[in-house]
Amino acid sequence: MPLSTGPSNGPSNGSSSDAARNSALKQAVFLHTGWRSAGTWVWSRLRELDSVTAFYEPLSNVLADLSLADVSASRPTLTSGHPPLDAPYFDEYRPFLREGARGVDGYRRAFSLDRFAGIPDAEFPALQAYLGNLCERTSEQGSVPVFKFCRSSGRLPWLKQAFPQAMHVGVLRNPASQFASGWLLSRQWSNPFFVAAPFRVLGLNQADPLVRQAIEICGVSLPPAAPTSDDAYAMACEQYARTAEGNNAYRAFVALWILCALRMAGGVDLLIDMDRLGTSRDYAASLRAGFETQSGLSPDFGSARDLVEETRRGAARMSGIDGRAMRAVHSAALKFLKAQGSVDAAFVEVIREKMVLANELTDAWR
């Protein structure tokens, strides 16, 4: 589905060279992130730009029941760790909601579960039409649509093919830091969602050979409940997560993390390394330049926090997990990635560095 041409982000003197550059720019931005990856912070940097309309979690099941009256209350909580926002999370969906009704136009609950199959499923045409409508109506208003996903990495190749005029950006954080963020929320605030999510996605995709291989190579034990329906299995996973053995929860997380990394390997126009971003102003500047070159947008990433150091400081709170035993899981996941054959050496090296860092961070967990 083609996207209509959006505006340029800078001045133009009307020259043919400016026109050629503007026509070559990507017309939307798809941020492919994971839960607790700091993707919301990246999205917030783009949302600050006047030329952008930034949609938060367009695949979230929350959108199925969202009403105009609910939008104002969709703000960060004290425990979310998200940056302060000038507008509610779902503010950009107001034009796609109807007075007295619930649900964003075109959204289906089935969109909320990521899929990893090599070819699009039966729901994908509807998903393509839904995102295409958000893109086109936003572009008609003279704005660049930006989407922040947490449930898209498995379908990244499908989306890349369906939306070739969008800039596809991967947000990658080392698995130890990313998992720790969700694990501590579960332990401190009794919020099992981020521990349950990998079990749910893996369990509902376990018939796929690639997913099954990742489950086996990482040694994941899935909830005993049979996935009779998506909703029933989601509830079973939340219950399972409340008492899940820590080592198994981490193995499930790494299995999903490496599957998402594999999809990013062949499908992104730009990769954002959150571990580097918090420690290098030069890297932040290079990312800004990457956005400018491909999309004409110029987000400022200079205020990124050092998330690796935050993980180190929180190591004493990571109880219930034998961190040193996780070295074998990191090694297995890396071997799984290498075995796929289609991943280029530079990306494999990025993932190897993530696993070395994860070894260091989990060594302090007990």
Protein backbone atom coordinates (compact mmCIF):
# COMPACT_ATOMS: atom_id res chain seq x y z
CA MET A 1 0.00 0.00 0.00
CA PRO A 2 1.74 3.21 -1.10
CA LEU A 3 2.04 6.11 1.28
CA SER A 4 1.25 9.63 0.13
CA THR A 5 4.19 12.01 -0.03
CA GLY A 6 4.74 13.97 3.19
CA PRO A 7 6.28 17.41 3.59
CA SER A 8 9.97 18.14 3.82
CA ASN A 9 11.31 19.01 7.27
CA GLY A 10 13.47 21.93 6.19
CA PRO A 11 13.52 24.98 3.94
CA SER A 12 13.54 24.61 0.19
CA ASN A 13 14.68 27.04 -2.47
CA GLY A 14 12.54 25.32 -5.05
CA SER A 15 15.51 23.85 -6.87
CA SER A 16 15.32 20.54 -8.68
CA SER A 17 17.94 19.11 -6.31
CA ASP A 18 15.78 19.96 -3.29
CA ALA A 19 12.75 18.43 -4.96
CA ALA A 20 14.67 15.26 -5.75
CA ARG A 21 15.89 14.98 -2.15
CA ASN A 22 12.41 15.53 -0.74
CA SER A 23 10.88 12.91 -3.02
CA ALA A 24 13.55 10.41 -1.94
CA LEU A 25 12.90 10.87 1.79
CA LYS A 26 11.05 8.19 3.71
CA GLN A 27 7.46 9.23 4.30
CA ALA A 28 6.84 7.58 7.67
CA VAL A 29 8.86 6.08 10.52
CA PHE A 30 8.19 2.65 12.01
CA LEU A 31 10.00 2.15 15.35
CA HIS A 32 10.30 -1.59 16.05
CA THR A 33 11.03 -1.92 19.76
CA GLY A 34 10.61 -4.41 22.61
CA TRP A 35 8.97 -4.08 26.00
CA ARG A 36 11.30 -2.19 28.41
CA SER A 37 13.76 -1.41 25.62
CA ALA A 38 13.48 2.39 26.13
CA GLY A 39 11.52 2.58 22.89
CA THR A 40 9.02 4.97 24.45
CA TRP A 41 11.85 7.42 25.15
CA VAL A 42 13.01 7.20 21.51
CA TRP A 43 9.42 7.76 20.35
CA SER A 44 9.10 10.78 22.65
CA ARG A 45 12.13 12.41 20.97
CA LEU A 46 10.41 12.18 17.59
CA ARG A 47 7.06 13.23 19.03
CA GLU A 48 8.55 16.58 20.05
CA LEU A 49 9.06 17.56 16.41
CA ASP A 50 6.39 19.89 15.01
CA SER A 51 6.30 18.05 11.68
CA VAL A 52 5.50 14.66 13.29
CA THR A 53 2.32 12.87 14.38
CA ALA A 54 3.56 10.10 16.69
CA PHE A 55 1.29 7.12 17.31
CA TYR A 56 1.94 5.11 20.46
CA GLU A 57 1.59 1.30 20.31
CA PRO A 58 -0.70 1.03 17.26
CA LEU A 59 -0.98 -2.75 17.80
CA SER A 60 -1.83 -2.63 21.52
CA ASN A 61 -4.98 -4.45 22.62
CA VAL A 62 -5.89 -1.30 24.59
CA LEU A 63 -6.96 0.31 21.29
CA ALA A 64 -9.81 -2.18 20.89
CA ASP A 65 -11.69 -0.58 23.81
CA LEU A 66 -10.29 2.95 23.73
CA SER A 67 -12.83 5.78 23.77
CA LEU A 68 -12.45 9.54 23.43
CA ALA A 69 -13.18 9.84 27.15
CA ASP A 70 -10.30 7.47 27.97
CA VAL A 71 -7.57 9.31 26.08
CA SER A 72 -6.84 12.02 28.67
CA ALA A 73 -6.11 9.41 31.35
CA SER A 74 -3.52 7.54 29.26
CA ARG A 75 -0.41 9.03 30.89
CA PRO A 76 2.77 7.60 32.44
CA THR A 77 2.46 6.15 35.94
CA LEU A 78 5.05 6.56 38.68
CA THR A 79 6.27 3.01 38.08
CA SER A 80 6.45 3.07 34.26
CA GLY A 81 9.91 4.58 33.99
CA HIS A 82 8.66 6.50 30.95
CA PRO A 83 9.61 10.13 30.28
CA PRO A 84 7.16 12.94 31.11
CA LEU A 85 4.81 13.54 28.17
CA ASP A 86 3.20 16.81 27.14
CA ALA A 87 0.17 14.93 25.79
CA PRO A 88 -1.44 11.57 26.72
CA TYR A 89 -0.03 8.42 25.14
CA PHE A 90 -2.96 7.93 22.77
CA ASP A 91 -3.70 11.59 21.97
CA GLU A 92 -2.92 11.14 18.27
CA TYR A 93 -5.73 8.61 17.88
CA ARG A 94 -8.49 11.15 18.60
CA PRO A 95 -9.32 11.66 14.89
CA PHE A 96 -9.72 7.88 14.56
CA LEU A 97 -12.20 7.52 17.45
CA ARG A 98 -15.93 8.17 17.29
CA GLU A 99 -18.04 9.88 19.92
CA GLY A 100 -19.97 7.35 22.00
CA ALA A 101 -18.11 4.36 20.56
CA ARG A 102 -15.06 2.31 21.52
CA GLY A 103 -12.14 1.19 19.39
CA VAL A 104 -9.78 2.88 16.94
CA ASP A 105 -11.00 2.77 13.33
CA GLY A 106 -9.76 -0.37 11.60
CA TYR A 107 -8.13 -1.93 14.68
CA ARG A 108 -8.63 -5.65 15.43
CA ARG A 109 -7.64 -7.48 18.62
CA ALA A 110 -5.78 -10.08 16.57
CA PHE A 111 -3.18 -7.42 15.68
CA SER A 112 -1.87 -7.43 19.26
CA LEU A 113 -0.03 -10.76 18.95
CA ASP A 114 3.27 -10.73 17.08
CA ARG A 115 3.83 -13.44 14.46
CA PHE A 116 7.08 -14.90 13.12
CA ALA A 117 6.02 -16.92 10.10
CA GLY A 118 7.83 -16.36 6.83
CA ILE A 119 4.66 -15.33 4.99
CA PRO A 120 1.86 -12.96 6.11
CA ASP A 121 -1.08 -14.47 7.92
CA ALA A 122 -4.78 -14.03 7.12
CA GLU A 123 -5.03 -10.95 9.34
CA PHE A 124 -2.25 -9.06 7.60
CA PRO A 125 -4.31 -7.42 4.82
CA ALA A 126 -6.52 -5.85 7.50
CA LEU A 127 -3.44 -4.78 9.48
CA GLN A 128 -1.91 -3.26 6.36
CA ALA A 129 -5.12 -1.36 5.62
CA TYR A 130 -5.35 -0.11 9.23
CA LEU A 131 -1.79 1.24 9.31
CA GLY A 132 -2.14 2.57 5.77
CA ASN A 133 -5.19 4.57 6.82
CA LEU A 134 -3.31 6.10 9.77
CA CYS A 135 -0.43 6.97 7.44
CA GLU A 136 -2.48 8.45 4.65
CA ARG A 137 -4.79 10.58 6.78
CA THR A 138 -1.80 11.90 8.72
CA SER A 139 0.13 12.73 5.56
CA GLU A 140 -2.91 14.54 4.17
CA GLN A 141 -2.66 16.86 7.18
CA GLY A 142 0.92 17.73 6.24
CA SER A 143 2.50 15.65 9.01
CA VAL A 144 4.91 12.70 9.07
CA PRO A 145 3.44 9.59 10.79
CA VAL A 146 5.71 7.91 13.36
CA PHE A 147 4.71 4.59 14.92
CA LYS A 148 6.21 3.08 18.07
CA PHE A 149 5.60 -0.68 18.11
CA CYS A 150 6.29 -3.31 20.79
CA ARG A 151 4.56 -6.11 18.88
CA SER A 152 5.92 -5.81 15.35
CA SER A 153 9.44 -7.28 15.23
CA GLY A 154 8.28 -10.76 14.17
CA ARG A 155 6.25 -9.21 11.35
CA LEU A 156 8.97 -6.75 10.39
CA PRO A 157 9.69 -8.41 7.01
CA TRP A 158 5.98 -8.26 6.15
CA LEU A 159 5.78 -4.59 7.13
CA LYS A 160 8.96 -3.74 5.28
CA GLN A 161 7.52 -5.16 2.09
CA ALA A 162 4.08 -3.60 2.61
CA PHE A 163 5.46 -0.16 3.53
CA PRO A 164 8.67 0.28 1.52
CA GLN A 165 8.36 4.07 1.70
CA ALA A 166 8.60 4.01 5.49
CA MET A 167 11.87 4.21 7.42
CA HIS A 168 12.07 1.04 9.52
CA VAL A 169 14.09 1.57 12.69
CA GLY A 170 15.11 -1.15 15.17
CA VAL A 171 15.62 -0.30 18.85
CA LEU A 172 17.97 -2.77 20.54
CA ARG A 173 18.94 -3.01 24.22
CA ASN A 174 21.01 -5.81 25.76
CA PRO A 175 18.75 -8.60 27.05
CA ALA A 176 19.94 -8.46 30.66
CA SER A 177 19.06 -4.78 31.09
CA GLN A 178 15.80 -5.12 29.21
CA PHE A 179 14.66 -8.16 31.20
CA ALA A 180 15.74 -6.65 34.53
CA SER A 181 13.52 -3.65 33.95
CA GLY A 182 10.42 -5.83 33.62
CA TRP A 183 11.44 -8.32 36.30
CA LEU A 184 11.82 -5.60 38.94
CA LEU A 185 8.41 -4.17 38.06
CA SER A 186 6.96 -7.62 38.65
CA ARG A 187 8.73 -8.06 41.99
CA GLN A 188 8.25 -4.56 43.38
CA TRP A 189 4.81 -3.65 42.06
CA SER A 190 3.18 -7.05 41.40
CA ASN A 191 2.94 -6.30 37.70
CA PRO A 192 3.51 -9.62 35.88
CA PHE A 193 2.86 -8.33 32.36
CA PHE A 194 6.47 -8.02 31.22
CA VAL A 195 7.40 -11.44 32.62
CA ALA A 196 4.32 -13.04 31.09
CA ALA A 197 4.66 -11.47 27.64
CA PRO A 198 7.50 -13.68 26.30
CA PHE A 199 5.71 -16.83 27.46
CA ARG A 200 2.53 -15.67 25.70
CA VAL A 201 4.20 -14.77 22.40
CA LEU A 202 6.34 -17.93 22.33
CA GLY A 203 3.47 -20.20 23.35
CA LEU A 204 1.04 -18.85 20.76
CA ASN A 205 3.71 -19.09 18.03
CA GLN A 206 5.21 -22.44 19.05
CA ALA A 207 3.89 -24.24 15.96
CA ASP A 208 6.29 -22.16 13.85
CA PRO A 209 9.53 -24.15 13.34
CA LEU A 210 11.80 -21.16 13.96
CA VAL A 211 10.05 -20.26 17.19
CA ARG A 212 10.08 -23.87 18.33
CA GLN A 213 13.81 -24.03 17.67
CA ALA A 214 14.44 -20.90 19.76
CA ILE A 215 12.33 -22.29 22.61
CA GLU A 216 14.28 -25.53 22.60
CA ILE A 217 17.76 -24.06 22.21
CA CYS A 218 17.16 -21.65 25.12
CA GLY A 219 15.65 -24.39 27.29
CA VAL A 220 12.32 -22.64 27.89
CA SER A 221 9.54 -24.34 29.83
CA LEU A 222 6.22 -22.93 28.66
CA PRO A 223 3.08 -22.74 30.82
CA PRO A 224 1.33 -26.12 30.98
CA ALA A 225 -1.96 -24.68 29.74
CA ALA A 226 -2.87 -25.48 26.14
CA PRO A 227 -3.40 -22.34 24.01
CA THR A 228 -7.12 -22.86 23.35
CA SER A 229 -7.57 -19.14 22.60
CA ASP A 230 -5.32 -16.08 22.63
CA ASP A 231 -7.15 -14.49 25.56
CA ALA A 232 -7.30 -17.65 27.65
CA TYR A 233 -3.62 -18.34 27.09
CA ALA A 234 -2.73 -14.74 27.97
CA MET A 235 -4.49 -15.17 31.32
CA ALA A 236 -2.72 -18.48 31.91
CA CYS A 237 0.63 -16.85 31.20
CA GLU A 238 -0.04 -14.03 33.66
CA GLN A 239 -0.82 -16.57 36.36
CA TYR A 240 2.27 -18.58 35.42
CA ALA A 241 4.43 -15.46 35.53
CA ARG A 242 3.45 -14.67 39.12
CA THR A 243 5.25 -17.76 40.35
CA ALA A 244 7.62 -18.41 37.44
CA GLU A 245 11.10 -19.64 38.32
CA GLY A 246 13.47 -16.75 37.57
CA ASN A 247 15.90 -18.68 35.40
CA ASN A 248 13.07 -19.94 33.20
CA ALA A 249 11.56 -16.46 32.89
CA TYR A 250 14.92 -15.15 31.67
CA ARG A 251 15.35 -18.03 29.21
CA ALA A 252 11.93 -17.22 27.73
CA PHE A 253 12.86 -13.57 27.45
CA VAL A 254 16.14 -14.35 25.65
CA ALA A 255 14.36 -16.71 23.24
CA LEU A 256 11.94 -13.95 22.23
CA TRP A 257 14.73 -11.34 22.19
CA ILE A 258 16.87 -13.33 19.76
CA LEU A 259 13.90 -14.03 17.48
CA CYS A 260 13.18 -10.29 17.31
CA ALA A 261 16.86 -9.53 16.73
CA LEU A 262 16.88 -12.00 13.84
CA ARG A 263 13.99 -10.17 12.19
CA MET A 264 15.73 -6.82 12.70
CA ALA A 265 18.89 -8.19 11.07
CA GLY A 266 17.34 -8.21 7.63
CA GLY A 267 14.68 -5.57 7.89
CA VAL A 268 15.76 -2.23 9.38
CA ASP A 269 17.08 0.90 7.71
CA LEU A 270 18.64 2.10 10.97
CA LEU A 271 19.50 0.34 14.23
CA ILE A 272 19.45 2.26 17.53
CA ASP A 273 21.77 0.72 20.12
CA MET A 274 20.37 1.91 23.45
CA ASP A 275 23.45 0.71 25.35
CA ARG A 276 25.72 2.99 23.30
CA LEU A 277 23.31 5.89 23.14
CA GLY A 278 23.53 6.68 26.85
CA THR A 279 27.33 6.88 26.85
CA SER A 280 28.30 8.52 23.55
CA ARG A 281 27.29 11.98 22.37
CA ASP A 282 28.97 11.21 19.05
CA TYR A 283 26.73 8.19 18.61
CA ALA A 284 23.65 10.27 19.48
CA ALA A 285 24.69 12.79 16.83
CA SER A 286 25.20 10.03 14.25
CA LEU A 287 21.68 8.73 14.88
CA ARG A 288 20.26 12.20 14.43
CA ALA A 289 22.13 12.47 11.14
CA GLY A 290 20.80 9.07 10.09
CA PHE A 291 17.23 10.24 10.60
CA GLU A 292 17.91 13.49 8.76
CA THR A 293 19.37 11.67 5.76
CA GLN A 294 16.57 9.13 5.43
CA SER A 295 13.47 10.97 6.63
CA GLY A 296 14.31 14.66 6.88
CA LEU A 297 13.48 14.50 10.61
CA SER A 298 16.02 15.66 13.18
CA PRO A 299 15.34 14.16 16.63
CA ASP A 300 17.63 15.12 19.51
CA PHE A 301 18.92 12.06 21.39
CA GLY A 302 21.48 13.96 23.49
CA SER A 303 19.62 13.49 26.79
CA ALA A 304 19.73 9.66 26.79
CA ARG A 305 20.46 8.04 30.16
CA ASP A 306 23.17 5.46 30.74
CA LEU A 307 20.87 2.44 31.02
CA VAL A 308 23.72 -0.06 31.42
CA GLU A 309 24.96 1.71 34.53
CA GLU A 310 21.41 1.72 35.89
CA THR A 311 21.30 -2.05 35.47
CA ARG A 312 24.58 -2.41 37.34
CA ARG A 313 23.26 -0.32 40.23
CA GLY A 314 20.14 -2.47 40.47
CA ALA A 315 21.95 -5.84 40.49
CA ALA A 316 21.38 -6.43 44.21
CA ARG A 317 17.62 -6.37 43.65
CA MET A 318 17.74 -9.10 40.98
CA SER A 319 17.05 -11.95 43.36
CA GLY A 320 15.84 -15.39 42.39
CA ILE A 321 18.01 -15.78 39.27
CA ASP A 322 21.32 -17.62 39.00
CA GLY A 323 23.00 -15.09 36.77
CA ARG A 324 26.12 -17.12 36.04
CA ALA A 325 23.99 -19.95 34.70
CA MET A 326 22.67 -17.54 32.07
CA ARG A 327 25.97 -17.58 30.17
CA ALA A 328 24.92 -20.82 28.53
CA VAL A 329 21.62 -19.24 27.42
CA HIS A 330 23.40 -16.25 25.86
CA SER A 331 25.77 -18.59 24.04
CA ALA A 332 22.92 -20.77 22.76
CA ALA A 333 20.98 -17.75 21.50
CA LEU A 334 24.02 -16.41 19.64
CA LYS A 335 24.62 -19.81 18.02
CA PHE A 336 20.95 -19.87 16.97
CA LEU A 337 21.36 -16.50 15.24
CA LYS A 338 24.57 -17.54 13.48
CA ALA A 339 22.97 -20.78 12.29
CA GLN A 340 20.35 -18.91 10.27
CA GLY A 341 22.97 -18.13 7.64
CA SER A 342 21.36 -14.99 6.22
CA VAL A 343 22.60 -12.60 8.92
CA ASP A 344 25.54 -10.42 7.92
CA ALA A 345 28.74 -10.42 9.95
CA ALA A 346 28.38 -6.86 11.21
CA PHE A 347 24.99 -7.58 12.80
CA VAL A 348 26.25 -10.85 14.30
CA GLU A 349 29.04 -8.85 15.92
CA VAL A 350 26.51 -6.42 17.43
CA ILE A 351 24.61 -9.33 18.95
CA ARG A 352 27.83 -10.95 20.18
CA GLU A 353 28.68 -7.70 21.99
CA LYS A 354 25.19 -7.65 23.53
CA MET A 355 25.70 -11.17 24.85
CA VAL A 356 29.14 -10.33 26.29
CA LEU A 357 27.57 -7.36 28.07
CA ALA A 358 24.68 -9.54 29.27
CA ASN A 359 27.20 -12.04 30.69
CA GLU A 360 28.83 -9.25 32.67
CA LEU A 361 25.56 -7.86 33.99
CA THR A 362 23.95 -11.18 34.95
CA ASP A 363 27.10 -12.36 36.75
CA ALA A 364 26.03 -10.15 39.66
CA TRP A 365 22.51 -11.68 39.91
CA ARG A 366 21.84 -14.21 42.67
